[in-house]
Amino acid sequence: IDLCGLHIPGAVITKTRQPVLASPVKKGSVANKMAPGQTNKTADEQPSRKDSLIHISNPHLEHMQEDILYHFNLGTGTHDFPSMFGDVKFVCVGGSPSRMEMFTKYIARELGLGDATSDFPNICAGTDRYCMYKVGPVLSVSHGMGIPSIAIMLHELIKLLYHAKCSDVIVLRIGTSGGIGIEPGSVVITSQSVDASFRPQFEQTVLGKTVVRSTDMDEELAKELLQCAKELNEFNTEIGKTMCTLDFYEGQARLDGAFCSYTEEEKLNYLKAACKAGVKNIEMESSVFAAMCKLSGLKAGVVCVTLLNRLQGDQISSPHELLVEYQQRPQKLVGHFIKKRFGKA
C-alpha cells in the first residue's frame, strides 16, 4: 500500500475498525535490492533458492552503514553475522530465558552436540532484554511476555537472519497456555491464531492508521509436527486455533484479576463461544508471531502445552513438579521434529 508516500508491507490500512484481511505480501519486495545470497539467475533457474530466503520490506535499511540490533546487543558493524549465524536452520523461541537455556541443553543432547555438563554462552549477555543460545544449526531465543515484547524480538531476529544470509529457516514458538475444553498437559499445535473476537488477524496502529495482517500458520508444518507427536505417543496433542490476547486477566476472561466487570456466567459463555469457534488454547504472542513470520517468508509453527482447562477454573494450582513436566512436552515434540529433519530420530 502506498498512502501519500507511506508504504506499509503486507497490510490493509483502514480508517475504521472494520477488519480487512491483507493480501499476501510479494516475496523479495525490498526496493531495488537483491536478497542476500541470491544470484542473477532467472527465477526459473532457482525458484527454490529465492523462496527459501529471508524477506524484509524496508528500503531504508539499504542506506544504513550499520544496523544495530539494540535489544540483542549485536550489530553488523561489530559482529560477523554470516559466520556466527549463517548455518542456522531452526530458531526456537519461548517466553522465559531459563526455559530457553534448558531447551538449548536438551536439544544439544538430542543432537549429540553436548551433554549435561556442557556450557553454552548467552550471545546476548550484554543486555538483559533477551537471551540467545546457539547449538549447531539451532538458535534458541527468549521473547518475554506478550505481543509488544515478542514483536521487538522478531524485528531484530528477522534482520539477524537476513544479514546472516540464512535460508530454509523454520521458526518454532514453544510455550505454555490455557486450554479450553481439553485436559491439562495437552499440547496444542496452532493451525491459526485468532484475536479475542475470534478473527484470524493481527491489528496494529502504524502512523495513526489501523494495519491488519493475516495470522495463518503453515499447514504442512503443523501436520508434520502432529505426526511427530504421534510417533512419540507420550501425551495428548491436537491441532487447533489459538486465541492471542493482550492481557492475562480480563483479556482472557479470568475472574481472579485486580479488576473484573463480568459475571462467571458471562465468562463461561465467552469461553464456550471460543471453543465453538475452534479455539483450543489461549496465550499472548501467536498473532504477531504468525503475521511477522509470514511477511518475512519464514515457515513457522506454535507448539504450546496447556497448564489448565479454563472451563474449570482460572488459577494455575497444579504442583510445581507437574508443571515442570508439562513445560517439557513442547520441547520434546520440537526436539523430535528437529532430530527427524536431521535423520537422527
Protein backbone atom coordinates (compact mmCIF):
# COMPACT_ATOMS: atom_id res chain seq x y z
CA ILE A 1 0.00 0.00 0.00
CA ASP A 2 1.27 3.49 -0.85
CA LEU A 3 -0.58 6.23 1.01
CA CYS A 4 0.83 9.73 0.38
CA GLY A 5 4.29 8.22 0.07
CA LEU A 6 3.83 5.85 3.03
CA HIS A 7 4.48 2.20 2.20
CA ILE A 8 3.40 -0.47 4.67
CA PRO A 9 4.14 -4.04 3.54
CA GLY A 10 1.57 -6.82 3.51
CA ALA A 11 -1.12 -4.67 5.06
CA VAL A 12 -4.53 -3.18 4.51
CA ILE A 13 -4.99 0.26 6.07
CA THR A 14 -8.46 1.26 7.18
CA LYS A 15 -9.77 4.44 8.75
CA THR A 16 -12.40 2.45 10.63
CA ARG A 17 -12.03 -0.60 12.84
CA GLN A 18 -13.64 -2.89 10.27
CA PRO A 19 -11.18 -5.75 9.63
CA VAL A 20 -9.94 -6.29 6.11
CA LEU A 21 -7.50 -9.13 5.67
CA ALA A 22 -4.23 -8.34 3.98
CA SER A 23 -3.26 -9.68 0.62
CA PRO A 24 -0.19 -11.93 0.63
CA VAL A 25 2.97 -9.86 0.54
CA LYS A 26 5.09 -10.31 -2.56
CA LYS A 27 8.31 -12.07 -1.65
CA GLY A 28 11.61 -10.31 -2.23
CA SER A 29 9.95 -6.88 -2.29
CA VAL A 30 12.80 -4.77 -0.90
CA ALA A 31 13.11 -1.83 -3.24
CA ASN A 32 15.98 -2.08 -5.72
CA LYS A 33 17.86 -4.58 -3.57
CA MET A 34 18.59 -8.21 -4.27
CA ALA A 35 18.05 -10.53 -1.33
CA PRO A 36 21.30 -11.74 0.23
CA GLY A 37 22.72 -14.85 -1.34
CA GLN A 38 20.57 -14.51 -4.46
CA THR A 39 22.34 -14.63 -7.82
CA ASN A 40 21.45 -13.07 -11.15
CA LYS A 41 19.94 -16.33 -12.39
CA THR A 42 16.36 -16.23 -13.58
CA ALA A 43 13.52 -17.29 -11.31
CA ASP A 44 13.00 -20.40 -13.43
CA GLU A 45 16.58 -21.47 -12.79
CA GLN A 46 16.41 -21.24 -9.00
CA PRO A 47 12.85 -20.89 -7.66
CA SER A 48 13.52 -22.86 -4.50
CA ARG A 49 16.51 -20.70 -3.52
CA LYS A 50 14.53 -17.48 -3.90
CA ASP A 51 11.61 -18.81 -1.90
CA SER A 52 13.86 -20.03 0.92
CA LEU A 53 15.49 -16.67 1.66
CA ILE A 54 14.53 -14.27 4.46
CA HIS A 55 12.48 -11.38 3.11
CA ILE A 56 12.39 -7.90 4.58
CA SER A 57 10.47 -4.96 3.17
CA ASN A 58 12.23 -1.86 4.38
CA PRO A 59 14.10 0.20 1.73
CA HIS A 60 15.65 2.36 4.44
CA LEU A 61 17.91 -0.46 5.63
CA GLU A 62 19.99 -0.45 2.44
CA HIS A 63 21.11 3.12 3.15
CA MET A 64 22.36 2.35 6.67
CA GLN A 65 26.11 1.89 7.12
CA GLU A 66 25.48 -0.27 10.20
CA ASP A 67 22.39 -2.00 11.55
CA ILE A 68 22.41 -2.13 15.35
CA LEU A 69 20.16 -4.78 16.87
CA TYR A 70 19.93 -2.87 20.13
CA HIS A 71 17.92 -5.34 22.21
CA PHE A 72 20.27 -8.20 21.23
CA ASN A 73 23.41 -6.10 21.81
CA LEU A 74 24.56 -7.10 18.30
CA GLY A 75 25.38 -5.07 15.21
CA THR A 76 26.55 -5.57 11.64
CA GLY A 77 29.48 -3.25 12.29
CA THR A 78 30.74 -5.19 15.31
CA HIS A 79 29.73 -8.79 14.55
CA ASP A 80 30.15 -11.09 11.56
CA PHE A 81 26.58 -12.30 11.18
CA PRO A 82 27.18 -14.79 8.32
CA SER A 83 29.95 -16.58 10.23
CA MET A 84 28.02 -16.50 13.52
CA PHE A 85 24.57 -17.43 12.28
CA GLY A 86 24.80 -18.40 8.60
CA ASP A 87 24.22 -22.11 9.29
CA VAL A 88 21.04 -21.61 11.33
CA LYS A 89 18.13 -23.76 10.10
CA PHE A 90 15.90 -23.80 13.19
CA VAL A 91 15.01 -20.98 15.55
CA CYS A 92 13.14 -21.92 18.71
CA VAL A 93 11.66 -19.08 20.75
CA GLY A 94 9.93 -19.02 24.13
CA GLY A 95 8.99 -16.51 26.77
CA SER A 96 11.27 -17.49 29.64
CA PRO A 97 15.08 -17.10 29.47
CA SER A 98 15.56 -20.09 31.79
CA ARG A 99 13.26 -22.23 29.65
CA MET A 100 15.22 -21.41 26.51
CA GLU A 101 18.51 -22.17 28.25
CA MET A 102 17.04 -25.50 29.34
CA PHE A 103 15.87 -26.20 25.79
CA THR A 104 19.36 -25.41 24.48
CA LYS A 105 20.89 -28.06 26.70
CA TYR A 106 18.11 -30.50 25.80
CA ILE A 107 18.48 -30.14 22.04
CA ALA A 108 22.27 -30.30 22.35
CA ARG A 109 21.97 -33.71 23.99
CA GLU A 110 19.38 -34.88 21.48
CA LEU A 111 21.61 -33.91 18.52
CA GLY A 112 24.77 -35.26 20.15
CA LEU A 113 26.31 -31.79 20.39
CA GLY A 114 26.69 -31.64 24.16
CA ASP A 115 25.82 -33.24 27.49
CA ALA A 116 24.54 -32.24 30.92
CA THR A 117 27.87 -30.59 31.78
CA SER A 118 28.13 -28.55 28.58
CA ASP A 119 28.07 -24.78 28.93
CA PHE A 120 26.53 -22.64 26.22
CA PRO A 121 27.26 -18.90 26.37
CA ASN A 122 24.45 -16.38 26.14
CA ILE A 123 25.11 -14.49 22.89
CA CYS A 124 23.04 -11.58 24.22
CA ALA A 125 24.85 -11.42 27.56
CA GLY A 126 25.42 -7.68 27.07
CA THR A 127 21.71 -6.98 27.54
CA ASP A 128 19.06 -8.16 29.98
CA ARG A 129 16.20 -7.89 27.48
CA TYR A 130 16.53 -11.27 25.78
CA CYS A 131 18.78 -14.32 25.90
CA MET A 132 20.14 -16.20 22.88
CA TYR A 133 21.94 -19.55 22.62
CA LYS A 134 23.24 -21.47 19.62
CA VAL A 135 23.83 -25.20 19.25
CA GLY A 136 24.91 -26.18 15.76
CA PRO A 137 22.08 -25.14 13.39
CA VAL A 138 19.62 -24.44 16.23
CA LEU A 139 19.18 -20.95 17.65
CA SER A 140 17.23 -20.54 20.91
CA VAL A 141 15.90 -17.09 21.83
CA SER A 142 13.68 -15.82 24.64
CA HIS A 143 10.96 -13.32 23.74
CA GLY A 144 9.45 -12.17 27.01
CA MET A 145 5.73 -11.93 27.66
CA GLY A 146 3.08 -10.50 25.36
CA ILE A 147 2.80 -9.09 21.85
CA PRO A 148 4.99 -5.97 22.27
CA SER A 149 7.91 -7.94 23.69
CA ILE A 150 7.90 -10.72 21.06
CA ALA A 151 7.35 -8.18 18.25
CA ILE A 152 10.51 -6.27 19.17
CA MET A 153 12.45 -9.52 19.35
CA LEU A 154 11.11 -10.68 15.96
CA HIS A 155 12.08 -7.47 14.18
CA GLU A 156 15.67 -7.94 15.28
CA LEU A 157 15.67 -11.72 14.79
CA ILE A 158 14.39 -11.42 11.21
CA LYS A 159 17.06 -8.82 10.43
CA LEU A 160 19.70 -11.03 12.05
CA LEU A 161 18.74 -13.96 9.81
CA TYR A 162 18.63 -11.64 6.79
CA HIS A 163 22.08 -10.17 7.44
CA ALA A 164 23.44 -13.68 8.09
CA LYS A 165 22.17 -14.76 4.64
CA CYS A 166 20.23 -17.66 6.16
CA SER A 167 17.88 -19.77 4.07
CA ASP A 168 15.29 -22.52 4.63
CA VAL A 169 14.81 -21.46 8.25
CA ILE A 170 11.96 -22.81 10.38
CA VAL A 171 10.88 -20.80 13.43
CA LEU A 172 9.01 -22.50 16.26
CA ARG A 173 7.48 -20.94 19.34
CA ILE A 174 7.38 -23.30 22.32
CA GLY A 175 5.44 -22.19 25.34
CA THR A 176 2.58 -22.52 27.81
CA SER A 177 -1.09 -21.65 27.50
CA GLY A 178 -4.53 -22.09 28.99
CA GLY A 179 -6.64 -24.80 27.40
CA ILE A 180 -10.33 -24.59 26.52
CA GLY A 181 -12.17 -27.88 26.81
CA ILE A 182 -9.05 -30.06 26.73
CA GLU A 183 -7.22 -31.78 29.57
CA PRO A 184 -4.28 -30.05 31.29
CA GLY A 185 -0.95 -31.18 29.91
CA SER A 186 -2.28 -31.43 26.35
CA VAL A 187 -0.10 -29.93 23.64
CA VAL A 188 -1.73 -27.70 21.02
CA ILE A 189 -0.20 -27.14 17.59
CA THR A 190 -1.63 -23.88 16.25
CA SER A 191 -3.42 -24.03 12.91
CA GLN A 192 -4.40 -20.36 13.01
CA SER A 193 -4.09 -17.57 15.53
CA VAL A 194 -7.23 -15.56 16.25
CA ASP A 195 -7.83 -12.41 18.26
CA ALA A 196 -10.16 -12.01 21.25
CA SER A 197 -13.10 -11.68 18.84
CA PHE A 198 -12.08 -14.96 17.13
CA ARG A 199 -10.90 -13.19 13.95
CA PRO A 200 -7.81 -14.61 12.16
CA GLN A 201 -5.90 -11.35 12.06
CA PHE A 202 -3.35 -9.16 13.80
CA GLU A 203 -4.16 -5.46 14.14
CA GLN A 204 -1.55 -2.78 14.70
CA THR A 205 -1.66 1.00 14.59
CA VAL A 206 1.02 2.47 12.29
CA LEU A 207 1.18 6.27 11.91
CA GLY A 208 -2.34 6.51 13.28
CA LYS A 209 -3.77 4.02 10.79
CA THR A 210 -5.06 0.52 11.53
CA VAL A 211 -2.99 -2.14 9.78
CA VAL A 212 -4.43 -5.67 9.54
CA ARG A 213 -2.32 -8.72 8.73
CA SER A 214 -3.07 -12.41 8.30
CA THR A 215 -2.28 -14.91 11.07
CA ASP A 216 -2.45 -18.22 9.20
CA MET A 217 0.18 -20.76 10.19
CA ASP A 218 1.98 -23.18 7.86
CA GLU A 219 -0.43 -26.09 7.37
CA GLU A 220 2.13 -28.66 6.24
CA LEU A 221 4.43 -27.86 9.14
CA ALA A 222 1.54 -28.28 11.60
CA LYS A 223 0.74 -31.70 10.12
CA GLU A 224 4.40 -32.72 10.32
CA LEU A 225 4.53 -31.71 13.98
CA LEU A 226 1.37 -33.68 14.71
CA GLN A 227 2.92 -36.74 13.09
CA CYS A 228 5.95 -36.33 15.36
CA ALA A 229 3.63 -36.25 18.37
CA LYS A 230 2.01 -39.50 17.24
CA GLU A 231 5.42 -41.10 16.93
CA LEU A 232 6.35 -40.01 20.46
CA ASN A 233 2.97 -41.16 21.79
CA GLU A 234 3.66 -39.67 25.22
CA PHE A 235 0.93 -37.04 25.65
CA ASN A 236 -2.29 -35.80 24.06
CA THR A 237 -1.58 -33.49 21.12
CA GLU A 238 -4.13 -31.64 19.00
CA ILE A 239 -4.18 -29.15 16.13
CA GLY A 240 -6.49 -26.16 16.55
CA LYS A 241 -6.89 -22.42 16.70
CA THR A 242 -5.05 -20.42 19.33
CA MET A 243 -6.56 -17.23 20.73
CA CYS A 244 -4.00 -14.49 21.28
CA THR A 245 -4.96 -11.81 23.81
CA LEU A 246 -3.47 -8.55 25.04
CA ASP A 247 -3.72 -9.47 28.70
CA PHE A 248 -3.54 -12.43 31.09
CA TYR A 249 -6.51 -11.48 33.26
CA GLU A 250 -9.52 -9.57 31.85
CA GLY A 251 -8.37 -10.19 28.28
CA GLN A 252 -8.63 -13.93 28.93
CA ALA A 253 -11.93 -13.71 30.88
CA ARG A 254 -10.38 -14.53 34.24
CA LEU A 255 -12.26 -13.89 37.46
CA ASP A 256 -9.18 -13.52 39.68
CA GLY A 257 -7.58 -10.28 38.48
CA ALA A 258 -7.48 -6.97 40.34
CA PHE A 259 -10.48 -5.86 38.26
CA CYS A 260 -13.42 -7.82 36.86
CA SER A 261 -16.59 -6.32 35.35
CA TYR A 262 -18.37 -9.53 34.28
CA THR A 263 -20.06 -12.50 35.90
CA GLU A 264 -18.91 -16.10 35.99
CA GLU A 265 -21.77 -16.97 33.64
CA GLU A 266 -20.62 -14.35 31.13
CA LYS A 267 -17.08 -15.67 31.38
CA LEU A 268 -18.16 -19.25 30.68
CA ASN A 269 -20.40 -18.19 27.79
CA TYR A 270 -17.44 -16.39 26.21
CA LEU A 271 -15.06 -19.32 26.60
CA LYS A 272 -17.69 -21.74 25.27
CA ALA A 273 -18.14 -19.47 22.24
CA ALA A 274 -14.38 -19.56 21.69
CA CYS A 275 -14.43 -23.35 21.92
CA LYS A 276 -17.29 -23.49 19.42
CA ALA A 277 -15.20 -21.30 17.07
CA GLY A 278 -12.44 -23.92 17.14
CA VAL A 279 -10.19 -22.31 19.75
CA LYS A 280 -8.28 -24.88 21.81
CA ASN A 281 -5.98 -22.65 23.83
CA ILE A 282 -5.18 -19.07 24.84
CA GLU A 283 -1.83 -17.27 25.02
CA MET A 284 -0.40 -13.81 24.28
CA GLU A 285 2.10 -13.99 21.41
CA SER A 286 0.91 -16.13 18.48
CA SER A 287 -0.84 -13.47 16.38
CA VAL A 288 2.11 -11.16 15.81
CA PHE A 289 4.41 -14.19 15.58
CA ALA A 290 2.33 -15.65 12.74
CA ALA A 291 1.96 -12.31 10.96
CA MET A 292 5.63 -11.33 11.06
CA CYS A 293 6.94 -14.77 10.10
CA LYS A 294 4.54 -14.88 7.15
CA LEU A 295 5.65 -11.42 5.98
CA SER A 296 9.31 -12.43 6.08
CA GLY A 297 8.80 -15.74 4.29
CA LEU A 298 9.68 -17.81 7.34
CA LYS A 299 7.97 -21.16 7.83
CA ALA A 300 6.64 -21.01 11.38
CA GLY A 301 4.76 -23.05 13.97
CA VAL A 302 3.46 -22.63 17.51
CA VAL A 303 3.56 -25.54 19.97
CA CYS A 304 2.16 -24.82 23.45
CA VAL A 305 1.22 -27.01 26.38
CA THR A 306 -1.98 -26.26 28.30
CA LEU A 307 -1.48 -25.81 32.04
CA LEU A 308 -5.20 -25.95 32.91
CA ASN A 309 -8.68 -26.21 31.43
CA ARG A 310 -10.13 -22.70 31.61
CA LEU A 311 -13.69 -24.05 31.65
CA GLN A 312 -12.89 -25.49 35.07
CA GLY A 313 -11.03 -22.57 36.66
CA ASP A 314 -8.63 -19.66 36.35
CA GLN A 315 -5.74 -20.21 38.71
CA ILE A 316 -2.81 -22.49 37.96
CA SER A 317 -2.68 -24.69 41.07
CA SER A 318 -1.00 -27.87 39.88
CA PRO A 319 2.12 -28.99 41.80
CA HIS A 320 5.37 -27.40 40.65
CA GLU A 321 6.88 -30.73 39.63
CA LEU A 322 3.89 -31.46 37.36
CA LEU A 323 4.06 -28.01 35.75
CA VAL A 324 7.76 -28.51 35.03
CA GLU A 325 6.96 -31.82 33.33
CA TYR A 326 4.18 -30.17 31.32
CA GLN A 327 6.55 -27.45 30.11
CA GLN A 328 8.97 -30.08 28.82
CA ARG A 329 6.37 -31.55 26.46
CA PRO A 330 6.62 -28.89 23.70
CA GLN A 331 10.40 -29.19 23.95
CA LYS A 332 10.22 -32.96 23.45
CA LEU A 333 7.94 -32.60 20.45
CA VAL A 334 10.04 -29.90 18.79
CA GLY A 335 13.22 -31.80 19.64
CA HIS A 336 11.87 -34.92 17.93
CA PHE A 337 10.88 -32.85 14.89
CA ILE A 338 14.38 -31.37 14.58
CA LYS A 339 16.01 -34.78 15.05
CA LYS A 340 13.83 -36.22 12.28
CA ARG A 341 14.87 -33.44 9.95
CA PHE A 342 18.48 -34.41 10.58
CA GLY A 343 17.77 -38.13 10.32
CA LYS A 344 18.63 -38.76 13.97
CA ALA A 345 15.19 -39.73 15.33
